[in-house]
């Protein structure tokens, strides 16, 4: 089985996990469950839960305790996209090739669907205590990482600075700060949670966080590149949105060719760090390498 076939098989398995933890649409509030499912099951690369699962396996994890956290990280990522698409933010009508949640369900339900996914994420992560009650210390630490990396010192913090910086020419230092928090934090959380639940020591967790930080930066720079080089059909969402929102990006700061070179350099650094953890097979290094050449 080649990399693409293996990747697709893993995506399908992850989506089965997501469906298992989605609430069934019932009761007077059924519409919000429908909007949650519409948002969460809209497709996507499933990179965060995949990195979490692969890191967990790499460091010896073998239990289903990882699955609630896989669902939780994707719920948090999805809620951030639902809110990011709202008229008050990026005001996008399409995401992953179909209409955004607020276009289908209305702006009010778009806001509430994002809120519901965020709350459901922590409700879901807490179900890990039922799977392995004897590992409550590890699970508690994983929830601590999840909440910190998703909050004001993580993803939300980066989004705040990003939104407040629209229309301004910002420094490279500030741009790196935005990218580390807005994109990198959830990728760091994904791999760190995988490591923690597998019983990794502090040195291994630090190494995983460093790998994930590089992946997050490379991933976001590649997004900058695709925003100017891809098409709406391939990307599944509007292109030139950074230009429309007057945002400084690595492309506007460094230029297109240097931005491409940086994606390759940072991604290869991440792979080299990963190899120091002695992965048992080639899939995880190949997954990191694939982020360099992705077209959406």
Foldseek 3Di string as FASTA:
>chain_A
DDLVVVQVVVQVVLVVLLVVLQDQQDDPVSVLSVLLCCQLVLDDSLVLLVLLQQLLVQLPHDFCLSSLLSNLLSLLVSLVVLVCCAPVHLVWQWDQQHGHSCVVPNNVSSNVSSVVSNVSSLVSLVCSCVRPVVPVVLSVVLVVLVDCQSDCQAQVVLSVLQRVCFPHDDDPVNQLSSQCRNFLSSQLSSNLSSCSVSPHDPVVNVLSSLLSSLLSVLLQLVVVLLLPPPDCVQRGTHHPSCVVRRGDGCCNVVNNVVSLVSSQVSLVVSLVSVCVSPGPDCNVNVVSVVSSVDND
